């Protein structure tokens, strides 16, 4: 029988904690690492656990980034800047973030901003105050300032 002090038992305990944590949704490597640290798992056991989860494809930061981008664009109508900030703060490498965001060009980003703008403002903003409110709204949603300006101008021409 394996006791709690053997390396195998510590690894199995860390894997069990990780499987439960991953059962709710996909996680990043950093999220799992922090979770195990909070559970006071030893650093070398954490590294072994992460390596095994990566090998078994339970952890995949590229997959996480792609799904996150798709969900935030579709469900929350976020722009690229906001998505990028969130992914980077979640521990996703910059090259993986770029790859996940690369499927939408600037025209697609403008169309998305127009869609969000038309849902929020039934009429195109006519006063400076209304345009500033619309601009602030788009920037908070994560659209680049230039894209937000272009969307407001295009919405006014519709």
C-alpha atoms as a PDB file:
ATOM      1  CA  UNK A   1       0.000   0.000   0.000  1.00  0.00           C
ATOM      2  CA  UNK A   2       1.317   3.468  -0.927  1.00  0.00           C
ATOM      3  CA  UNK A   3       1.468   5.996   1.880  1.00  0.00           C
ATOM      4  CA  UNK A   4       1.024   9.745   1.483  1.00  0.00           C
ATOM      5  CA  UNK A   5       4.770  10.324   1.801  1.00  0.00           C
ATOM      6  CA  UNK A   6       5.845   8.438  -1.307  1.00  0.00           C
ATOM      7  CA  UNK A   7       6.448  10.399  -4.512  1.00  0.00           C
ATOM      8  CA  UNK A   8       3.871   8.269  -6.330  1.00  0.00           C
ATOM      9  CA  UNK A   9       1.204   9.077  -3.760  1.00  0.00           C
ATOM     10  CA  UNK A  10       2.003  12.792  -3.880  1.00  0.00           C
ATOM     11  CA  UNK A  11       1.811  12.751  -7.672  1.00  0.00           C
ATOM     12  CA  UNK A  12      -1.493  10.874  -7.632  1.00  0.00           C
ATOM     13  CA  UNK A  13      -2.911  13.319  -5.068  1.00  0.00           C
ATOM     14  CA  UNK A  14      -1.846  16.272  -7.242  1.00  0.00           C
ATOM     15  CA  UNK A  15      -3.362  14.632 -10.325  1.00  0.00           C
ATOM     16  CA  UNK A  16      -6.625  14.021  -8.481  1.00  0.00           C
ATOM     17  CA  UNK A  17      -6.749  17.686  -7.437  1.00  0.00           C
ATOM     18  CA  UNK A  18      -6.038  18.727 -11.030  1.00  0.00           C
ATOM     19  CA  UNK A  19      -8.655  16.445 -12.567  1.00  0.00           C
ATOM     20  CA  UNK A  20     -11.310  17.871 -10.253  1.00  0.00           C
ATOM     21  CA  UNK A  21     -10.207  21.415 -11.086  1.00  0.00           C
ATOM     22  CA  UNK A  22     -10.251  20.678 -14.823  1.00  0.00           C
ATOM     23  CA  UNK A  23     -13.673  19.045 -14.594  1.00  0.00           C
ATOM     24  CA  UNK A  24     -15.503  22.377 -14.672  1.00  0.00           C
ATOM     25  CA  UNK A  25     -13.811  23.974 -17.695  1.00  0.00           C
ATOM     26  CA  UNK A  26     -10.544  24.158 -19.593  1.00  0.00           C
ATOM     27  CA  UNK A  27      -7.725  25.760 -17.645  1.00  0.00           C
ATOM     28  CA  UNK A  28      -4.346  27.194 -18.505  1.00  0.00           C
ATOM     29  CA  UNK A  29      -1.090  25.725 -17.264  1.00  0.00           C
ATOM     30  CA  UNK A  30      -0.696  28.773 -15.019  1.00  0.00           C
ATOM     31  CA  UNK A  31      -4.165  28.331 -13.518  1.00  0.00           C
ATOM     32  CA  UNK A  32      -3.509  24.682 -12.665  1.00  0.00           C
ATOM     33  CA  UNK A  33      -0.076  25.551 -11.270  1.00  0.00           C
ATOM     34  CA  UNK A  34      -1.581  28.245  -9.013  1.00  0.00           C
ATOM     35  CA  UNK A  35      -4.350  25.897  -7.906  1.00  0.00           C
ATOM     36  CA  UNK A  36      -1.867  23.237  -6.885  1.00  0.00           C
ATOM     37  CA  UNK A  37       0.317  25.803  -5.131  1.00  0.00           C
ATOM     38  CA  UNK A  38      -2.723  26.968  -3.170  1.00  0.00           C
ATOM     39  CA  UNK A  39      -3.314  23.348  -2.158  1.00  0.00           C
ATOM     40  CA  UNK A  40       0.288  23.251  -0.863  1.00  0.00           C
ATOM     41  CA  UNK A  41       1.533  20.689  -3.332  1.00  0.00           C
ATOM     42  CA  UNK A  42       5.336  20.496  -3.513  1.00  0.00           C
ATOM     43  CA  UNK A  43       6.938  22.320  -6.472  1.00  0.00           C
ATOM     44  CA  UNK A  44       8.577  19.225  -7.997  1.00  0.00           C
ATOM     45  CA  UNK A  45       5.275  17.331  -7.766  1.00  0.00           C
ATOM     46  CA  UNK A  46       3.539  20.273  -9.466  1.00  0.00           C
ATOM     47  CA  UNK A  47       6.006  20.096 -12.346  1.00  0.00           C
ATOM     48  CA  UNK A  48       5.485  16.342 -12.716  1.00  0.00           C
ATOM     49  CA  UNK A  49       1.717  16.819 -12.639  1.00  0.00           C
ATOM     50  CA  UNK A  50       1.801  19.592 -15.261  1.00  0.00           C
ATOM     51  CA  UNK A  51       4.033  17.461 -17.498  1.00  0.00           C
ATOM     52  CA  UNK A  52       1.668  14.499 -17.267  1.00  0.00           C
ATOM     53  CA  UNK A  53      -1.431  16.635 -17.891  1.00  0.00           C
ATOM     54  CA  UNK A  54       0.242  18.163 -20.945  1.00  0.00           C
ATOM     55  CA  UNK A  55       1.231  14.746 -22.247  1.00  0.00           C
ATOM     56  CA  UNK A  56      -2.330  13.458 -21.825  1.00  0.00           C
ATOM     57  CA  UNK A  57      -3.723  16.638 -23.497  1.00  0.00           C
ATOM     58  CA  UNK A  58      -5.710  17.661 -20.428  1.00  0.00           C
ATOM     59  CA  UNK A  59      -3.825  20.939 -20.597  1.00  0.00           C
ATOM     60  CA  UNK A  60      -3.311  22.787 -23.872  1.00  0.00           C
ATOM     61  CA  UNK A  61      -2.842  26.557 -23.749  1.00  0.00           C
ATOM     62  CA  UNK A  62      -3.277  26.908 -27.529  1.00  0.00           C
ATOM     63  CA  UNK A  63      -6.639  25.109 -27.411  1.00  0.00           C
ATOM     64  CA  UNK A  64      -7.665  27.204 -24.394  1.00  0.00           C
ATOM     65  CA  UNK A  65      -6.782  30.421 -26.254  1.00  0.00           C
ATOM     66  CA  UNK A  66      -8.731  29.439 -29.389  1.00  0.00           C
ATOM     67  CA  UNK A  67     -11.843  28.533 -27.408  1.00  0.00           C
ATOM     68  CA  UNK A  68     -11.576  31.632 -25.235  1.00  0.00           C
ATOM     69  CA  UNK A  69     -11.322  33.895 -28.292  1.00  0.00           C
ATOM     70  CA  UNK A  70     -14.312  32.236 -29.924  1.00  0.00           C
ATOM     71  CA  UNK A  71     -16.428  32.416 -26.756  1.00  0.00           C
ATOM     72  CA  UNK A  72     -15.584  36.017 -25.908  1.00  0.00           C
ATOM     73  CA  UNK A  73     -16.248  37.173 -29.466  1.00  0.00           C
ATOM     74  CA  UNK A  74     -19.485  35.242 -29.810  1.00  0.00           C
ATOM     75  CA  UNK A  75     -20.974  35.462 -26.334  1.00  0.00           C
ATOM     76  CA  UNK A  76     -19.611  38.724 -24.915  1.00  0.00           C
ATOM     77  CA  UNK A  77     -18.776  40.605 -28.145  1.00  0.00           C
ATOM     78  CA  UNK A  78     -15.314  41.525 -26.921  1.00  0.00           C
ATOM     79  CA  UNK A  79     -12.743  43.141 -29.165  1.00  0.00           C
ATOM     80  CA  UNK A  80      -9.235  41.869 -29.756  1.00  0.00           C
ATOM     81  CA  UNK A  81      -7.536  44.169 -27.239  1.00  0.00           C
ATOM     82  CA  UNK A  82      -9.667  43.040 -24.328  1.00  0.00           C
ATOM     83  CA  UNK A  83      -9.332  39.381 -25.292  1.00  0.00           C
ATOM     84  CA  UNK A  84      -5.568  39.757 -25.598  1.00  0.00           C
ATOM     85  CA  UNK A  85      -5.244  41.408 -22.170  1.00  0.00           C
ATOM     86  CA  UNK A  86      -7.295  38.661 -20.526  1.00  0.00           C
ATOM     87  CA  UNK A  87      -5.373  35.827 -22.182  1.00  0.00           C
ATOM     88  CA  UNK A  88      -2.000  37.326 -21.304  1.00  0.00           C
ATOM     89  CA  UNK A  89      -3.080  37.773 -17.687  1.00  0.00           C
ATOM     90  CA  UNK A  90      -4.173  34.115 -17.672  1.00  0.00           C
ATOM     91  CA  UNK A  91      -0.624  33.052 -18.475  1.00  0.00           C
ATOM     92  CA  UNK A  92      -1.017  32.353 -22.192  1.00  0.00           C
ATOM     93  CA  UNK A  93       2.159  33.008 -24.195  1.00  0.00           C
ATOM     94  CA  UNK A  94       2.071  35.959 -26.584  1.00  0.00           C
ATOM     95  CA  UNK A  95       2.608  33.848 -29.696  1.00  0.00           C
ATOM     96  CA  UNK A  96      -0.362  31.634 -28.784  1.00  0.00           C
ATOM     97  CA  UNK A  97      -2.523  34.728 -28.224  1.00  0.00           C
ATOM     98  CA  UNK A  98      -1.529  36.130 -31.613  1.00  0.00           C
ATOM     99  CA  UNK A  99      -2.311  32.835 -33.318  1.00  0.00           C
ATOM    100  CA  UNK A 100      -5.721  32.598 -31.657  1.00  0.00           C
ATOM    101  CA  UNK A 101      -6.616  36.171 -32.640  1.00  0.00           C
ATOM    102  CA  UNK A 102      -5.274  35.888 -36.198  1.00  0.00           C
ATOM    103  CA  UNK A 103      -8.397  34.432 -37.777  1.00  0.00           C
ATOM    104  CA  UNK A 104     -10.200  37.785 -37.868  1.00  0.00           C
ATOM    105  CA  UNK A 105      -8.840  40.573 -40.030  1.00  0.00           C
ATOM    106  CA  UNK A 106      -9.439  44.296 -39.502  1.00  0.00           C
ATOM    107  CA  UNK A 107     -12.594  44.183 -41.654  1.00  0.00           C
ATOM    108  CA  UNK A 108     -14.032  41.463 -39.436  1.00  0.00           C
ATOM    109  CA  UNK A 109     -13.171  43.472 -36.348  1.00  0.00           C
ATOM    110  CA  UNK A 110     -14.927  46.534 -37.809  1.00  0.00           C
ATOM    111  CA  UNK A 111     -18.031  44.494 -38.630  1.00  0.00           C
ATOM    112  CA  UNK A 112     -18.082  43.087 -35.105  1.00  0.00           C
ATOM    113  CA  UNK A 113     -17.768  46.600 -33.655  1.00  0.00           C
ATOM    114  CA  UNK A 114     -20.645  47.780 -35.860  1.00  0.00           C
ATOM    115  CA  UNK A 115     -22.793  44.889 -34.690  1.00  0.00           C
ATOM    116  CA  UNK A 116     -22.090  45.651 -31.030  1.00  0.00           C
ATOM    117  CA  UNK A 117     -22.689  49.350 -31.608  1.00  0.00           C
ATOM    118  CA  UNK A 118     -26.031  48.789 -33.368  1.00  0.00           C
ATOM    119  CA  UNK A 119     -27.214  46.537 -30.537  1.00  0.00           C
ATOM    120  CA  UNK A 120     -26.365  49.109 -27.885  1.00  0.00           C
ATOM    121  CA  UNK A 121     -27.422  52.281 -29.724  1.00  0.00           C
ATOM    122  CA  UNK A 122     -30.576  52.044 -31.811  1.00  0.00           C
ATOM    123  CA  UNK A 123     -29.820  55.331 -33.575  1.00  0.00           C
ATOM    124  CA  UNK A 124     -26.415  56.518 -34.761  1.00  0.00           C
ATOM    125  CA  UNK A 125     -24.870  58.968 -32.286  1.00  0.00           C
ATOM    126  CA  UNK A 126     -25.410  62.517 -33.499  1.00  0.00           C
ATOM    127  CA  UNK A 127     -24.052  64.761 -30.760  1.00  0.00           C
ATOM    128  CA  UNK A 128     -20.456  64.886 -29.566  1.00  0.00           C
ATOM    129  CA  UNK A 129     -21.588  63.568 -26.191  1.00  0.00           C
ATOM    130  CA  UNK A 130     -23.338  60.581 -27.790  1.00  0.00           C
ATOM    131  CA  UNK A 131     -20.301  59.842 -29.975  1.00  0.00           C
ATOM    132  CA  UNK A 132     -18.053  59.947 -26.900  1.00  0.00           C
ATOM    133  CA  UNK A 133     -20.380  57.531 -25.083  1.00  0.00           C
ATOM    134  CA  UNK A 134     -20.361  55.171 -28.061  1.00  0.00           C
ATOM    135  CA  UNK A 135     -16.579  55.430 -28.344  1.00  0.00           C
ATOM    136  CA  UNK A 136     -16.126  54.696 -24.648  1.00  0.00           C
ATOM    137  CA  UNK A 137     -18.477  51.738 -24.934  1.00  0.00           C
ATOM    138  CA  UNK A 138     -16.518  50.190 -27.798  1.00  0.00           C
ATOM    139  CA  UNK A 139     -13.152  50.796 -26.142  1.00  0.00           C
ATOM    140  CA  UNK A 140     -14.369  49.148 -22.924  1.00  0.00           C
ATOM    141  CA  UNK A 141     -15.503  46.178 -25.004  1.00  0.00           C
ATOM    142  CA  UNK A 142     -11.901  45.906 -26.178  1.00  0.00           C
ATOM    143  CA  UNK A 143     -11.947  47.404 -29.647  1.00  0.00           C
ATOM    144  CA  UNK A 144      -8.924  49.421 -30.720  1.00  0.00           C
ATOM    145  CA  UNK A 145      -9.487  53.162 -30.744  1.00  0.00           C
ATOM    146  CA  UNK A 146      -9.082  53.405 -34.515  1.00  0.00           C
ATOM    147  CA  UNK A 147     -11.573  50.565 -35.101  1.00  0.00           C
ATOM    148  CA  UNK A 148     -14.009  52.224 -32.668  1.00  0.00           C
ATOM    149  CA  UNK A 149     -13.753  55.563 -34.518  1.00  0.00           C
ATOM    150  CA  UNK A 150     -14.264  53.822 -37.877  1.00  0.00           C
ATOM    151  CA  UNK A 151     -17.285  51.931 -36.525  1.00  0.00           C
ATOM    152  CA  UNK A 152     -18.928  55.106 -35.244  1.00  0.00           C
ATOM    153  CA  UNK A 153     -18.366  56.862 -38.579  1.00  0.00           C
ATOM    154  CA  UNK A 154     -19.693  53.843 -40.529  1.00  0.00           C
ATOM    155  CA  UNK A 155     -22.705  53.518 -38.242  1.00  0.00           C
ATOM    156  CA  UNK A 156     -23.529  57.171 -38.860  1.00  0.00           C
ATOM    157  CA  UNK A 157     -23.494  56.568 -42.629  1.00  0.00           C
ATOM    158  CA  UNK A 158     -25.913  53.622 -42.478  1.00  0.00           C
END
